[in-house]
Amino acid sequence: MSDTADKAEEQQSRLLIQLEELESKFSDYDEYLDEILVKREELHAAFEGRKQRLIELQQRRTQGLLKSAQRIIKGISRRAQGFIELDELNSYFAADPMVLKVNEIVKQLRELDDQVKADDLQGQVISSKEQAIRSLRDKSDIFEENGSVIKLGKHRFLSLIHISEPT
């Protein structure tokens, strides 16, 4: 049995060719031609139904993969904002299991012939990394000494973080 819509289409074409050969062999016998035409319609309906089910199954699978990857990407983005060194950030995007999982989902989507969703997910990961790099660069341009000193041009300001407690 076919497991993709394309394979179902191939099998349908092969069977329709065989039916055409039968029609040509039995063209002189009207009673057989009527049965062949009925079988042709049954065959067409069965294969169209199968193709539709396979397409729906593939769409559900790609939607599930897409939602899963988008949840993972949200977590990746949150975690990427917490790094203070560029090397740590690059290592995270190169070797973290969640980033690798998104890359695996992208590969699965490509295998399912959904290039648009795969490219979108890949773009989201790249965008998340670029945003984290920009944020890291901005922090390093504004803050010194782990955020305790704010620098604006050649001026430096001490920044105290004090959590006030109710009295």
Foldseek 3Di string as FASTA:
>chain_A
DDLALVVLVVVLVVVVVVLVVVCVVCVVPPVVNVVSVVVNVVSVVVSVVVNVVNVVVLVVVLVVLLVVLVVLLVVLLVVLLPDQDPVVSVCCCVDPPSNVSLVVSLVVCVVSVNPVSSVVSVVSNVVSSVVSVVSNVVCVQQADDVRQWGDDPPDIDGHDDDDDDDD
